[in-house]
């Protein structure tokens, strides 16, 4: 088995701990607001709220939900040893809530004309996971 090492000395990928309950509730059709109320630290629930609001033209609401999911995700990343930069792989499913919230924040920031925040979040997303940036658009 080949072990790949970052020859430039970058930080190792951060893998958030699995929290399957919010993911399962959402997959089974539980309203995202109910999931966020029961699991307020779940970036995934906030990201889903942000996506739903955006799809329904409630851009400012989407921005608020996305920002909440983003900050909840940052808290989780820090607890997992993340030092403010480095890979957050999309391939690790528990990371997807944070990455989706970050994407939603970029998207809603752009929609309200907050170009600097859009650019910052877009770069942060791509730096964290090029796969997530490509997958989420």
Protein backbone atom coordinates (compact mmCIF):
# COMPACT_ATOMS: atom_id res chain seq x y z
CA UNK A 1 0.00 0.00 0.00
CA UNK A 2 1.45 3.36 -1.02
CA UNK A 3 1.41 6.13 1.53
CA UNK A 4 1.20 9.61 0.07
CA UNK A 5 2.92 12.38 1.94
CA UNK A 6 2.70 16.10 1.28
CA UNK A 7 6.29 16.86 0.29
CA UNK A 8 5.72 20.58 0.88
CA UNK A 9 4.99 19.96 4.56
CA UNK A 10 1.35 21.02 4.48
CA UNK A 11 -1.05 20.04 7.22
CA UNK A 12 -2.74 16.65 7.06
CA UNK A 13 -6.36 16.44 5.93
CA UNK A 14 -8.96 17.12 8.61
CA UNK A 15 -11.67 14.51 9.01
CA UNK A 16 -14.61 15.60 11.14
CA UNK A 17 -16.11 12.97 13.43
CA UNK A 18 -19.16 11.22 12.10
CA UNK A 19 -22.50 12.42 13.44
CA UNK A 20 -24.95 10.17 11.58
CA UNK A 21 -28.19 11.17 13.31
CA UNK A 22 -28.73 14.53 11.53
CA UNK A 23 -27.75 12.99 8.19
CA UNK A 24 -30.18 10.10 8.69
CA UNK A 25 -33.02 12.38 9.78
CA UNK A 26 -32.56 14.58 6.71
CA UNK A 27 -32.34 11.53 4.43
CA UNK A 28 -35.60 10.24 5.90
CA UNK A 29 -37.42 13.49 5.18
CA UNK A 30 -37.31 15.25 8.54
CA UNK A 31 -37.64 19.00 8.06
CA UNK A 32 -34.20 20.67 8.15
CA UNK A 33 -35.46 23.21 10.71
CA UNK A 34 -36.41 20.35 13.04
CA UNK A 35 -33.00 18.74 12.55
CA UNK A 36 -31.20 22.05 13.22
CA UNK A 37 -33.29 22.58 16.35
CA UNK A 38 -32.43 19.10 17.65
CA UNK A 39 -28.79 19.18 16.46
CA UNK A 40 -27.78 22.87 16.37
CA UNK A 41 -24.11 22.01 15.87
CA UNK A 42 -24.87 20.16 12.62
CA UNK A 43 -23.46 22.11 9.68
CA UNK A 44 -25.35 19.75 7.40
CA UNK A 45 -28.75 20.82 8.76
CA UNK A 46 -27.85 24.52 8.40
CA UNK A 47 -26.50 23.93 4.89
CA UNK A 48 -29.77 22.25 3.90
CA UNK A 49 -31.74 25.17 5.33
CA UNK A 50 -29.52 27.55 3.34
CA UNK A 51 -30.03 25.57 0.13
CA UNK A 52 -33.80 25.41 0.60
CA UNK A 53 -34.03 29.15 1.32
CA UNK A 54 -31.87 30.02 -1.69
CA UNK A 55 -33.90 27.80 -4.02
CA UNK A 56 -37.04 29.63 -2.85
CA UNK A 57 -35.60 33.11 -3.44
CA UNK A 58 -34.97 33.90 0.24
CA UNK A 59 -31.36 34.93 -0.29
CA UNK A 60 -30.79 36.85 2.96
CA UNK A 61 -32.26 33.97 4.93
CA UNK A 62 -29.99 31.60 3.02
CA UNK A 63 -27.01 33.78 3.92
CA UNK A 64 -27.90 33.64 7.61
CA UNK A 65 -28.36 29.87 7.61
CA UNK A 66 -25.15 29.37 5.65
CA UNK A 67 -23.17 31.58 8.02
CA UNK A 68 -24.47 29.61 10.99
CA UNK A 69 -23.48 26.30 9.38
CA UNK A 70 -20.11 27.71 8.40
CA UNK A 71 -19.33 28.85 11.96
CA UNK A 72 -20.57 25.59 13.46
CA UNK A 73 -18.28 23.81 11.02
CA UNK A 74 -15.30 25.97 11.94
CA UNK A 75 -15.88 25.07 15.59
CA UNK A 76 -15.91 21.36 14.70
CA UNK A 77 -12.82 21.67 12.53
CA UNK A 78 -10.88 23.36 15.31
CA UNK A 79 -11.94 20.67 17.79
CA UNK A 80 -10.62 18.13 15.27
CA UNK A 81 -7.16 19.72 15.17
CA UNK A 82 -7.54 21.99 12.14
CA UNK A 83 -5.23 25.02 12.40
CA UNK A 84 -6.96 27.39 9.98
CA UNK A 85 -5.82 25.87 6.70
CA UNK A 86 -5.32 22.58 4.98
CA UNK A 87 -7.44 19.98 3.24
CA UNK A 88 -10.98 19.20 4.35
CA UNK A 89 -11.75 16.32 1.98
CA UNK A 90 -15.22 16.11 0.40
CA UNK A 91 -14.65 12.36 0.14
CA UNK A 92 -15.03 12.11 3.95
CA UNK A 93 -18.83 12.38 4.26
CA UNK A 94 -18.88 14.07 7.71
CA UNK A 95 -16.96 17.02 6.14
CA UNK A 96 -19.73 17.66 3.61
CA UNK A 97 -21.97 19.71 5.90
CA UNK A 98 -19.23 22.26 6.48
CA UNK A 99 -18.23 22.34 2.82
CA UNK A 100 -21.85 22.72 1.71
CA UNK A 101 -22.35 25.57 4.21
CA UNK A 102 -19.20 27.28 2.93
CA UNK A 103 -20.44 26.95 -0.65
CA UNK A 104 -23.88 28.26 0.34
CA UNK A 105 -22.27 31.23 2.07
CA UNK A 106 -20.26 32.08 -1.05
CA UNK A 107 -23.33 31.72 -3.26
CA UNK A 108 -25.59 33.88 -1.09
CA UNK A 109 -22.87 36.49 -0.55
CA UNK A 110 -22.53 36.83 -4.30
CA UNK A 111 -26.31 37.11 -4.67
CA UNK A 112 -26.48 40.06 -2.25
CA UNK A 113 -23.48 41.78 -3.83
CA UNK A 114 -20.96 41.03 -1.10
CA UNK A 115 -18.18 40.35 -3.59
CA UNK A 116 -15.29 40.25 -1.12
CA UNK A 117 -17.02 37.61 1.02
CA UNK A 118 -17.97 35.64 -2.10
CA UNK A 119 -14.34 35.60 -3.27
CA UNK A 120 -12.99 34.73 0.19
CA UNK A 121 -15.41 31.84 0.63
CA UNK A 122 -14.89 30.58 -2.92
CA UNK A 123 -11.12 30.46 -2.47
CA UNK A 124 -11.51 28.88 0.98
CA UNK A 125 -13.76 26.19 -0.50
CA UNK A 126 -11.36 25.40 -3.36
CA UNK A 127 -8.36 25.41 -0.98
CA UNK A 128 -10.20 23.08 1.39
CA UNK A 129 -11.46 20.67 -1.26
CA UNK A 130 -11.20 21.07 -5.01
CA UNK A 131 -13.56 18.11 -5.32
CA UNK A 132 -16.18 19.94 -3.23
CA UNK A 133 -15.74 23.13 -5.26
CA UNK A 134 -16.19 21.20 -8.51
CA UNK A 135 -19.08 19.08 -7.18
CA UNK A 136 -21.04 21.98 -5.69
CA UNK A 137 -20.39 24.31 -8.61
